[in-house]
């Protein structure tokens, strides 16, 4: 089957749905004539203003998070601890700040963690707001791999204890089981 670049309609769904449907899709990063790729195997959903773990909690809009308000299929990338980039894909319609953190790839390299993933793909703030449906340097592909619900493990999100027991215990981290 031909690798198919994923179009806008795929991303215009709720963050919780997109987080599961991204599993098994491939991120492709073009650097000069080289292409890096990896299968998405771990994601984490953030569902906007009501989610105390979201950067858009209570409808907050700031220079850091304004990309979350774009239409699904854009990149929301930010730095944590002053050193690790976090690559998120915006979900849903414009103005609805939901996103999915891409936590790990199956790429043949160590990309088990958002920082390692961004390091492998050579992502930085220049990707902030990038449109995955039109970009010539990064996009997602559907390579025809079917992911069954039985292949998805749902666990609590990582590093969001600050959001309190209800929000930190939501099983909104999704892992593809081999």
N, C-alpha and C. Protein backbone atom coordinates (compact mmCIF):
# COMPACT_ATOMS: atom_id res chain seq x y z
N UNK A 1 0.84 -1.19 0.00
CA UNK A 1 0.00 0.00 0.00
C UNK A 1 0.88 1.25 0.00
N UNK A 2 0.45 2.23 -0.73
CA UNK A 2 1.17 3.50 -0.79
C UNK A 2 1.01 4.25 0.53
N UNK A 3 2.10 4.88 0.99
CA UNK A 3 2.03 5.69 2.20
C UNK A 3 1.18 6.92 1.90
N UNK A 4 0.22 7.18 2.78
CA UNK A 4 -0.71 8.27 2.53
C UNK A 4 -0.52 9.38 3.56
N UNK A 5 -0.19 10.57 3.08
CA UNK A 5 -0.08 11.73 3.96
C UNK A 5 -1.47 12.01 4.54
N UNK A 6 -1.53 12.23 5.82
CA UNK A 6 -2.81 12.41 6.51
C UNK A 6 -3.32 13.83 6.33
N UNK A 7 -4.58 13.93 5.95
CA UNK A 7 -5.21 15.23 5.68
C UNK A 7 -5.92 15.82 6.89
N UNK A 8 -6.40 17.04 6.72
CA UNK A 8 -7.00 17.84 7.80
C UNK A 8 -8.14 17.14 8.55
N UNK A 9 -9.03 16.47 7.84
CA UNK A 9 -10.22 15.91 8.51
C UNK A 9 -9.84 14.91 9.61
N UNK A 10 -8.72 14.21 9.45
CA UNK A 10 -8.27 13.26 10.46
C UNK A 10 -8.05 13.93 11.81
N UNK A 11 -7.54 15.15 11.81
CA UNK A 11 -7.16 15.85 13.03
C UNK A 11 -8.32 16.61 13.69
N UNK A 12 -9.42 16.81 12.96
CA UNK A 12 -10.51 17.65 13.46
C UNK A 12 -11.49 16.85 14.31
N UNK A 13 -10.96 16.08 15.24
CA UNK A 13 -11.78 15.28 16.14
C UNK A 13 -11.34 15.55 17.57
N UNK A 14 -12.13 15.15 18.55
CA UNK A 14 -11.75 15.40 19.94
C UNK A 14 -10.39 14.78 20.29
N UNK A 15 -9.68 15.43 21.20
CA UNK A 15 -8.36 14.99 21.60
C UNK A 15 -8.28 13.55 22.07
N UNK A 16 -9.28 13.10 22.84
CA UNK A 16 -9.26 11.72 23.33
C UNK A 16 -9.37 10.72 22.18
N UNK A 17 -10.15 11.04 21.18
CA UNK A 17 -10.29 10.17 20.01
C UNK A 17 -9.00 10.20 19.20
N UNK A 18 -8.49 11.40 18.94
CA UNK A 18 -7.27 11.54 18.14
C UNK A 18 -6.09 10.83 18.81
N UNK A 19 -5.99 10.91 20.13
CA UNK A 19 -4.87 10.29 20.84
C UNK A 19 -4.80 8.79 20.56
N UNK A 20 -5.95 8.14 20.48
CA UNK A 20 -5.97 6.70 20.18
C UNK A 20 -5.73 6.45 18.69
N UNK A 21 -6.31 7.28 17.83
CA UNK A 21 -6.20 7.06 16.39
C UNK A 21 -4.82 7.41 15.83
N UNK A 22 -4.02 8.17 16.58
CA UNK A 22 -2.65 8.47 16.15
C UNK A 22 -1.74 7.26 16.31
N UNK A 23 -2.10 6.34 17.20
CA UNK A 23 -1.29 5.14 17.40
C UNK A 23 -1.20 4.35 16.10
N UNK A 24 0.01 3.97 15.71
CA UNK A 24 0.21 3.23 14.47
C UNK A 24 0.44 4.10 13.25
N UNK A 25 0.25 5.42 13.39
CA UNK A 25 0.55 6.34 12.30
C UNK A 25 2.04 6.70 12.38
N UNK A 26 2.58 7.21 11.30
CA UNK A 26 4.01 7.52 11.22
C UNK A 26 4.27 9.01 11.12
N UNK A 27 5.22 9.48 11.92
CA UNK A 27 5.71 10.84 11.77
C UNK A 27 6.89 10.76 10.81
N UNK A 28 6.88 11.63 9.81
CA UNK A 28 7.98 11.69 8.85
C UNK A 28 8.59 13.09 8.94
N UNK A 29 9.91 13.13 9.14
CA UNK A 29 10.63 14.39 9.27
C UNK A 29 11.70 14.44 8.19
N UNK A 30 11.61 15.45 7.32
CA UNK A 30 12.58 15.61 6.23
C UNK A 30 13.61 16.66 6.63
N UNK A 31 14.88 16.27 6.56
CA UNK A 31 15.99 17.18 6.83
C UNK A 31 16.92 17.10 5.63
N UNK A 32 16.89 18.11 4.79
CA UNK A 32 17.65 18.06 3.54
C UNK A 32 17.12 16.93 2.68
N UNK A 33 18.00 16.00 2.28
CA UNK A 33 17.55 14.86 1.48
C UNK A 33 17.27 13.64 2.35
N UNK A 34 17.49 13.77 3.64
CA UNK A 34 17.27 12.65 4.57
C UNK A 34 15.85 12.68 5.13
N UNK A 35 15.28 11.48 5.33
CA UNK A 35 13.98 11.36 5.98
C UNK A 35 14.13 10.49 7.21
N UNK A 36 13.63 11.00 8.33
CA UNK A 36 13.53 10.23 9.56
C UNK A 36 12.06 9.89 9.74
N UNK A 37 11.77 8.69 10.22
CA UNK A 37 10.38 8.32 10.43
C UNK A 37 10.26 7.42 11.65
N UNK A 38 9.09 7.43 12.24
CA UNK A 38 8.83 6.54 13.35
C UNK A 38 7.34 6.35 13.55
N UNK A 39 6.99 5.15 13.99
CA UNK A 39 5.58 4.84 14.26
C UNK A 39 5.22 5.35 15.65
N UNK A 40 4.11 6.06 15.76
CA UNK A 40 3.64 6.57 17.05
C UNK A 40 3.14 5.39 17.88
N UNK A 41 3.74 5.23 19.08
CA UNK A 41 3.37 4.12 19.95
C UNK A 41 2.90 4.57 21.34
N UNK A 42 2.96 5.87 21.62
CA UNK A 42 2.48 6.37 22.91
C UNK A 42 2.04 7.82 22.77
N UNK A 43 0.84 8.11 23.28
CA UNK A 43 0.27 9.46 23.21
C UNK A 43 -0.37 9.81 24.55
N UNK A 44 -0.70 11.09 24.70
CA UNK A 44 -1.37 11.56 25.91
C UNK A 44 -2.31 12.69 25.51
N UNK A 45 -3.57 12.61 25.92
CA UNK A 45 -4.58 13.60 25.53
C UNK A 45 -4.76 14.69 26.58
N UNK A 46 -4.99 15.91 26.08
CA UNK A 46 -5.31 17.07 26.92
C UNK A 46 -6.53 17.72 26.30
N UNK A 47 -7.59 17.89 27.09
CA UNK A 47 -8.89 18.22 26.50
C UNK A 47 -9.37 19.66 26.74
N UNK A 48 -8.45 20.57 26.91
CA UNK A 48 -8.83 21.98 26.89
C UNK A 48 -9.23 22.60 28.22
N UNK A 49 -10.09 23.63 28.16
CA UNK A 49 -10.37 24.49 29.32
C UNK A 49 -10.81 23.79 30.60
N UNK A 50 -11.51 22.67 30.52
CA UNK A 50 -11.95 21.99 31.73
C UNK A 50 -10.87 21.09 32.34
N UNK A 51 -9.82 20.79 31.59
CA UNK A 51 -8.76 19.87 32.00
C UNK A 51 -7.68 20.64 32.78
N UNK A 52 -7.59 20.38 34.09
CA UNK A 52 -6.64 21.12 34.92
C UNK A 52 -5.18 20.84 34.55
N UNK A 53 -4.91 19.80 33.78
CA UNK A 53 -3.55 19.51 33.33
C UNK A 53 -3.23 20.18 31.99
N UNK A 54 -4.22 20.80 31.37
CA UNK A 54 -4.04 21.44 30.06
C UNK A 54 -3.47 22.84 30.22
N UNK A 55 -2.64 23.25 29.26
CA UNK A 55 -2.15 24.63 29.25
C UNK A 55 -3.26 25.61 28.92
N UNK A 56 -4.40 25.11 28.45
CA UNK A 56 -5.54 25.97 28.13
C UNK A 56 -6.61 25.91 29.23
N UNK A 57 -6.24 25.44 30.41
CA UNK A 57 -7.19 25.35 31.52
C UNK A 57 -7.82 26.73 31.76
N UNK A 58 -9.15 26.72 31.95
CA UNK A 58 -9.97 27.92 32.16
C UNK A 58 -9.92 28.88 30.96
N UNK A 59 -9.60 28.34 29.76
CA UNK A 59 -9.60 29.17 28.56
C UNK A 59 -8.39 30.07 28.42
N UNK A 60 -7.34 29.78 29.18
CA UNK A 60 -6.12 30.60 29.13
C UNK A 60 -5.55 30.63 27.70
N UNK A 61 -5.19 31.84 27.27
CA UNK A 61 -4.49 32.02 26.00
C UNK A 61 -3.24 32.86 26.30
N UNK A 62 -2.11 32.34 25.88
CA UNK A 62 -0.85 33.04 26.12
C UNK A 62 0.04 32.87 24.88
N UNK A 63 1.13 33.62 24.80
CA UNK A 63 2.05 33.42 23.66
C UNK A 63 2.53 31.96 23.59
N UNK A 64 2.66 31.31 24.74
CA UNK A 64 3.13 29.91 24.75
C UNK A 64 2.11 28.96 24.15
N UNK A 65 0.82 29.12 24.48
CA UNK A 65 -0.16 28.10 24.10
C UNK A 65 -1.12 28.49 22.98
N UNK A 66 -0.96 29.64 22.35
CA UNK A 66 -1.95 30.07 21.34
C UNK A 66 -2.08 29.09 20.18
N UNK A 67 -1.05 28.29 19.90
CA UNK A 67 -1.14 27.30 18.82
C UNK A 67 -2.19 26.23 19.13
N UNK A 68 -2.48 26.02 20.42
CA UNK A 68 -3.50 25.04 20.79
C UNK A 68 -4.88 25.42 20.24
N UNK A 69 -5.08 26.67 19.97
CA UNK A 69 -6.37 27.18 19.49
C UNK A 69 -6.52 27.11 17.97
N UNK A 70 -5.48 26.67 17.28
CA UNK A 70 -5.56 26.51 15.82
C UNK A 70 -6.40 25.27 15.49
N UNK A 71 -6.77 25.14 14.23
CA UNK A 71 -7.52 23.96 13.80
C UNK A 71 -6.61 22.73 13.93
N UNK A 72 -7.21 21.57 14.18
CA UNK A 72 -6.46 20.33 14.31
C UNK A 72 -5.50 20.11 13.15
N UNK A 73 -4.34 19.54 13.48
CA UNK A 73 -3.33 19.26 12.47
C UNK A 73 -2.15 20.22 12.52
N UNK A 74 -2.17 21.14 13.48
CA UNK A 74 -1.03 22.03 13.68
C UNK A 74 -0.18 21.51 14.84
N UNK A 75 1.04 22.01 14.90
CA UNK A 75 1.96 21.60 15.96
C UNK A 75 1.95 22.62 17.09
N UNK A 76 1.84 22.09 18.31
CA UNK A 76 2.02 22.88 19.52
C UNK A 76 3.26 22.30 20.19
N UNK A 77 4.36 23.05 20.17
CA UNK A 77 5.62 22.57 20.74
C UNK A 77 6.08 23.58 21.78
N UNK A 78 6.59 23.08 22.89
CA UNK A 78 7.06 23.96 23.95
C UNK A 78 8.20 23.29 24.70
N UNK A 79 8.92 24.10 25.45
CA UNK A 79 10.07 23.65 26.21
C UNK A 79 9.69 23.43 27.67
N UNK A 80 10.13 22.31 28.26
CA UNK A 80 9.95 22.08 29.70
C UNK A 80 11.32 21.97 30.35
N UNK A 81 11.37 22.37 31.60
CA UNK A 81 12.62 22.34 32.38
C UNK A 81 13.76 23.08 31.68
N UNK A 82 13.42 23.97 30.74
CA UNK A 82 14.43 24.74 30.04
C UNK A 82 15.30 23.93 29.09
N UNK A 83 14.91 22.66 28.83
CA UNK A 83 15.79 21.83 28.01
C UNK A 83 15.11 20.78 27.14
N UNK A 84 13.87 20.40 27.40
CA UNK A 84 13.23 19.32 26.64
C UNK A 84 12.03 19.84 25.86
N UNK A 85 12.06 19.64 24.54
CA UNK A 85 10.92 20.02 23.71
C UNK A 85 9.84 18.96 23.83
N UNK A 86 8.58 19.40 23.78
CA UNK A 86 7.42 18.53 23.86
C UNK A 86 6.59 18.76 22.60
N UNK A 87 6.42 17.72 21.80
CA UNK A 87 5.72 17.79 20.51
C UNK A 87 4.27 17.35 20.69
N UNK A 88 3.36 18.29 20.44
CA UNK A 88 1.92 18.03 20.53
C UNK A 88 1.27 18.28 19.19
N UNK A 89 0.22 17.54 18.93
CA UNK A 89 -0.59 17.75 17.73
C UNK A 89 -1.94 18.29 18.18
N UNK A 90 -2.31 19.43 17.62
CA UNK A 90 -3.58 20.06 17.95
C UNK A 90 -4.73 19.20 17.39
N UNK A 91 -5.79 19.07 18.19
CA UNK A 91 -6.96 18.28 17.82
C UNK A 91 -8.18 19.20 17.71
N UNK A 92 -9.17 18.74 16.94
CA UNK A 92 -10.47 19.41 16.90
C UNK A 92 -10.54 20.66 16.04
N UNK A 93 -11.67 21.37 16.15
CA UNK A 93 -11.88 22.57 15.34
C UNK A 93 -11.09 23.76 15.89
N UNK A 94 -10.95 24.78 15.06
CA UNK A 94 -10.28 26.01 15.48
C UNK A 94 -11.01 26.58 16.70
N UNK A 95 -10.23 27.07 17.66
CA UNK A 95 -10.82 27.69 18.85
C UNK A 95 -11.10 26.71 19.98
N UNK A 96 -10.94 25.42 19.73
CA UNK A 96 -11.16 24.39 20.75
C UNK A 96 -9.78 23.82 21.13
N UNK A 97 -9.18 24.32 22.23
CA UNK A 97 -7.78 24.01 22.53
C UNK A 97 -7.53 22.62 23.11
N UNK A 98 -7.61 21.62 22.26
CA UNK A 98 -7.28 20.26 22.68
C UNK A 98 -6.02 19.85 21.93
N UNK A 99 -5.21 19.01 22.57
CA UNK A 99 -4.01 18.55 21.88
C UNK A 99 -3.61 17.18 22.39
N UNK A 100 -2.70 16.56 21.65
CA UNK A 100 -2.19 15.24 21.98
C UNK A 100 -0.66 15.32 22.02
N UNK A 101 -0.11 15.00 23.17
CA UNK A 101 1.34 14.92 23.33
C UNK A 101 1.81 13.60 22.74
N UNK A 102 2.79 13.66 21.87
CA UNK A 102 3.37 12.44 21.31
C UNK A 102 4.53 12.04 22.23
N UNK A 103 4.37 10.93 22.93
CA UNK A 103 5.33 10.53 23.97
C UNK A 103 6.41 9.58 23.48
N UNK A 104 6.13 8.74 22.48
CA UNK A 104 7.14 7.77 22.05
C UNK A 104 6.88 7.30 20.62
N UNK A 105 7.99 6.93 19.96
CA UNK A 105 7.96 6.38 18.60
C UNK A 105 8.69 5.05 18.58
N UNK A 106 8.30 4.21 17.64
CA UNK A 106 9.07 3.01 17.31
C UNK A 106 9.83 3.39 16.05
N UNK A 107 11.13 3.68 16.22
CA UNK A 107 11.91 4.21 15.10
C UNK A 107 13.26 3.53 14.93
N UNK A 108 13.57 2.55 15.77
CA UNK A 108 14.89 1.94 15.73
C UNK A 108 15.89 2.70 16.58
N UNK A 109 15.49 3.87 17.08
CA UNK A 109 16.32 4.68 17.98
C UNK A 109 15.59 4.81 19.30
N UNK A 110 16.29 5.30 20.33
CA UNK A 110 15.64 5.50 21.62
C UNK A 110 14.79 6.75 21.58
N UNK A 111 13.51 6.57 21.47
CA UNK A 111 12.58 7.70 21.44
C UNK A 111 11.44 7.45 22.42
N UNK A 112 11.80 6.88 23.58
CA UNK A 112 10.80 6.56 24.60
C UNK A 112 10.73 7.71 25.61
N UNK A 113 10.12 8.76 25.18
CA UNK A 113 9.94 9.95 26.00
C UNK A 113 9.88 11.15 25.08
N UNK A 114 9.06 12.14 25.44
CA UNK A 114 8.87 13.29 24.55
C UNK A 114 10.16 14.05 24.23
N UNK A 115 11.05 14.18 25.19
CA UNK A 115 12.31 14.88 24.93
C UNK A 115 13.20 14.13 23.96
N UNK A 116 13.32 12.82 24.16
CA UNK A 116 14.13 11.98 23.26
C UNK A 116 13.54 11.97 21.86
N UNK A 117 12.21 11.94 21.78
CA UNK A 117 11.52 11.96 20.50
C UNK A 117 11.85 13.25 19.73
N UNK A 118 11.76 14.39 20.41
CA UNK A 118 12.06 15.67 19.75
C UNK A 118 13.53 15.76 19.37
N UNK A 119 14.40 15.21 20.19
CA UNK A 119 15.83 15.20 19.87
C UNK A 119 16.09 14.36 18.62
N UNK A 120 15.49 13.18 18.55
CA UNK A 120 15.65 12.30 17.39
C UNK A 120 15.16 12.98 16.10
N UNK A 121 13.99 13.62 16.17
CA UNK A 121 13.41 14.26 14.99
C UNK A 121 13.97 15.67 14.73
N UNK A 122 14.84 16.12 15.61
CA UNK A 122 15.45 17.45 15.50
C UNK A 122 14.38 18.54 15.44
N UNK A 123 13.48 18.49 16.43
CA UNK A 123 12.40 19.47 16.53
C UNK A 123 12.76 20.54 17.54
N UNK A 124 12.35 21.77 17.25
CA UNK A 124 12.59 22.89 18.15
C UNK A 124 11.45 23.90 17.95
N UNK A 125 11.62 25.08 18.55
CA UNK A 125 10.51 26.04 18.50
C UNK A 125 10.19 26.54 17.10
N UNK A 126 11.07 26.30 16.13
CA UNK A 126 10.77 26.72 14.75
C UNK A 126 9.57 25.95 14.19
N UNK A 127 9.17 24.87 14.86
CA UNK A 127 8.01 24.07 14.41
C UNK A 127 6.70 24.54 15.04
N UNK A 128 6.78 25.52 15.92
CA UNK A 128 5.58 26.01 16.61
C UNK A 128 4.55 26.50 15.59
N UNK A 129 3.36 25.94 15.65
CA UNK A 129 2.28 26.34 14.75
C UNK A 129 2.36 25.74 13.35
N UNK A 130 3.35 24.89 13.09
CA UNK A 130 3.52 24.27 11.77
C UNK A 130 2.27 23.45 11.40
N UNK A 131 1.88 23.53 10.15
CA UNK A 131 0.72 22.83 9.64
C UNK A 131 1.16 21.46 9.09
N UNK A 132 0.81 20.38 9.79
CA UNK A 132 1.22 19.04 9.37
C UNK A 132 0.63 18.62 8.03
N UNK A 133 -0.45 19.26 7.60
CA UNK A 133 -1.07 18.87 6.33
C UNK A 133 -0.41 19.54 5.13
N UNK A 134 0.40 20.58 5.37
CA UNK A 134 1.03 21.31 4.26
C UNK A 134 2.55 21.38 4.36
N UNK A 135 3.10 21.03 5.49
CA UNK A 135 4.54 21.17 5.71
C UNK A 135 5.34 20.28 4.76
N UNK A 136 6.49 20.78 4.35
CA UNK A 136 7.42 20.01 3.52
C UNK A 136 8.51 19.38 4.39
N UNK A 137 8.53 19.72 5.71
CA UNK A 137 9.59 19.20 6.57
C UNK A 137 9.11 18.26 7.66
N UNK A 138 7.79 18.20 7.89
CA UNK A 138 7.24 17.22 8.85
C UNK A 138 5.77 16.97 8.51
N UNK A 139 5.38 15.70 8.57
CA UNK A 139 3.99 15.33 8.31
C UNK A 139 3.74 13.95 8.91
N UNK A 140 2.47 13.54 8.90
CA UNK A 140 2.10 12.21 9.34
C UNK A 140 1.61 11.41 8.15
N UNK A 141 1.90 10.10 8.20
CA UNK A 141 1.45 9.19 7.15
C UNK A 141 0.67 8.04 7.76
N UNK A 142 -0.32 7.59 7.00
CA UNK A 142 -1.04 6.36 7.30
C UNK A 142 -0.43 5.30 6.40
N UNK A 143 0.21 4.32 7.00
CA UNK A 143 0.85 3.26 6.22
C UNK A 143 0.04 1.97 6.24
N UNK A 144 -1.25 2.12 6.54
CA UNK A 144 -2.17 1.00 6.44
C UNK A 144 -2.10 -0.01 7.57
N UNK A 145 -1.46 0.33 8.67
CA UNK A 145 -1.39 -0.61 9.80
C UNK A 145 -2.64 -0.46 10.66
N UNK A 146 -3.36 -1.55 10.79
CA UNK A 146 -4.58 -1.52 11.60
C UNK A 146 -4.22 -1.68 13.07
N UNK A 147 -4.82 -0.83 13.90
CA UNK A 147 -4.65 -0.93 15.35
C UNK A 147 -6.02 -1.26 15.93
N UNK A 148 -6.10 -2.41 16.58
CA UNK A 148 -7.36 -2.85 17.19
C UNK A 148 -7.46 -2.29 18.61
N UNK A 149 -8.66 -2.04 19.11
CA UNK A 149 -8.81 -1.55 20.49
C UNK A 149 -8.07 -2.43 21.52
N UNK A 150 -8.00 -3.73 21.26
CA UNK A 150 -7.33 -4.64 22.20
C UNK A 150 -5.81 -4.42 22.24
N UNK A 151 -5.28 -3.66 21.28
CA UNK A 151 -3.85 -3.38 21.22
C UNK A 151 -3.49 -2.06 21.92
N UNK A 152 -4.49 -1.40 22.52
CA UNK A 152 -4.26 -0.11 23.17
C UNK A 152 -4.43 -0.24 24.67
N UNK A 153 -3.40 0.13 25.40
CA UNK A 153 -3.45 0.17 26.86
C UNK A 153 -3.66 1.63 27.28
N UNK A 154 -4.62 1.87 28.17
CA UNK A 154 -4.89 3.22 28.67
C UNK A 154 -4.41 3.30 30.12
N UNK A 155 -3.58 4.31 30.40
CA UNK A 155 -3.05 4.50 31.74
C UNK A 155 -3.13 5.99 32.09
N UNK A 156 -2.80 6.31 33.33
CA UNK A 156 -2.84 7.72 33.73
C UNK A 156 -1.69 8.49 33.07
N UNK A 157 -1.93 9.78 32.90
CA UNK A 157 -0.92 10.64 32.28
C UNK A 157 0.28 10.79 33.21
N UNK A 158 1.40 11.13 32.62
CA UNK A 158 2.65 11.23 33.37
C UNK A 158 2.97 12.69 33.70
N UNK A 159 3.37 12.93 34.95
CA UNK A 159 3.86 14.25 35.34
C UNK A 159 2.80 15.32 35.49
N UNK A 160 1.55 14.94 35.77
CA UNK A 160 0.49 15.94 35.92
C UNK A 160 -0.16 15.89 37.31
N UNK A 161 0.59 15.46 38.29
CA UNK A 161 0.05 15.40 39.66
C UNK A 161 -0.42 16.78 40.14
N UNK A 162 0.20 17.85 39.65
CA UNK A 162 -0.19 19.21 40.02
C UNK A 162 -1.66 19.50 39.72
N UNK A 163 -2.27 18.75 38.80
CA UNK A 163 -3.65 18.99 38.38
C UNK A 163 -4.66 18.43 39.38
N UNK A 164 -4.19 17.78 40.44
CA UNK A 164 -5.08 17.22 41.45
C UNK A 164 -5.47 15.79 41.13
N UNK A 165 -6.04 15.09 42.12
CA UNK A 165 -6.29 13.65 41.95
C UNK A 165 -7.25 13.29 40.82
N UNK A 166 -8.28 14.07 40.60
CA UNK A 166 -9.22 13.71 39.54
C UNK A 166 -8.54 13.75 38.18
N UNK A 167 -7.91 14.88 37.84
CA UNK A 167 -7.33 15.06 36.51
C UNK A 167 -6.06 14.26 36.31
N UNK A 168 -5.28 14.08 37.36
CA UNK A 168 -4.03 13.32 37.21
C UNK A 168 -4.29 11.81 37.08
N UNK A 169 -5.46 11.36 37.50
CA UNK A 169 -5.77 9.93 37.43
C UNK A 169 -6.55 9.53 36.17
N UNK A 170 -6.91 10.50 35.33
CA UNK A 170 -7.62 10.16 34.08
C UNK A 170 -6.71 9.25 33.25
N UNK A 171 -7.28 8.19 32.72
CA UNK A 171 -6.50 7.25 31.90
C UNK A 171 -6.49 7.72 30.45
N UNK A 172 -5.74 8.80 30.24
CA UNK A 172 -5.69 9.45 28.94
C UNK A 172 -4.31 9.37 28.30
N UNK A 173 -3.51 8.43 28.76
CA UNK A 173 -2.24 8.10 28.12
C UNK A 173 -2.47 6.76 27.43
N UNK A 174 -2.15 6.71 26.15
CA UNK A 174 -2.45 5.51 25.36
C UNK A 174 -1.16 4.93 24.79
N UNK A 175 -0.99 3.62 25.00
CA UNK A 175 0.22 2.94 24.57
C UNK A 175 -0.16 1.79 23.65
N UNK A 176 0.53 1.70 22.52
CA UNK A 176 0.31 0.61 21.57
C UNK A 176 1.03 -0.62 22.09
N UNK A 177 0.29 -1.69 22.31
CA UNK A 177 0.86 -2.96 22.79
C UNK A 177 1.27 -3.76 21.58
N UNK A 178 2.50 -4.27 21.60
CA UNK A 178 3.01 -5.03 20.46
C UNK A 178 2.39 -6.39 20.37
